[in-house]
Amino acid sequence: MSIEIERKFLVDAEKFNPDYAAIHIAHIEQGYVMQDNATNTVLRIRAQTTTDKSVPLNQAFITVKRAMDSGAFSKHEFEYEIPYEDGLEMLKFCPQVLMKTRTSLPYHENPELKWEVDLFWHEEIPFVIAEIELPDEDYQVVLPDWIISEVTSYPMYYNTNLIKRLQ
């Protein structure tokens, strides 16, 4: 079973420098084929173009996520790479498509972790969000000065809710 432990933060766009120590940058389009609020389950399609030379230039993924009964930051997550062209076609099944640029940065306190900072391309989403996946829920995160506040427990900042602003 695959579990994602992730925390989210608002970013001070004036303090954040996306060129500073970026591991790579990806341009992402993602949508949700299915969202079931009763079970907190989603089926997401994501297509991306990246500057990361260690992976193919164009990639697509299909992901199933479901909230766990226990754990504030944990979700079941099953993600599989699919052909890029299939991902682009599947995005057409989504009522809305969220577009963003994701900058991945090293987490200096632990080289196995990284910050992922999302800048959304939509004027309806006027903020920048940083995420970090953690090895466990009790992991203590040292925040950089460009973090404003934690928003992990605020559903309005989940991508599944941000995309609703585009309707």
Foldseek 3Di string as FASTA:
>chain_A
DDKWFKWKFFFQVVPDDLVPQFQKKKKKKKAWLDADPVFRKTWMKMWIAMPNPVDDRIWIKIKIWTCDPDDLRMIHMDIDIDDRVVSVVVSVSGPFMWIWMWTWHAQVVDRVKIKIKTDTPDPLDPTIMIMITDPDRPDDGDDDPRTDGICSNPVCPDPVNSRVSVD
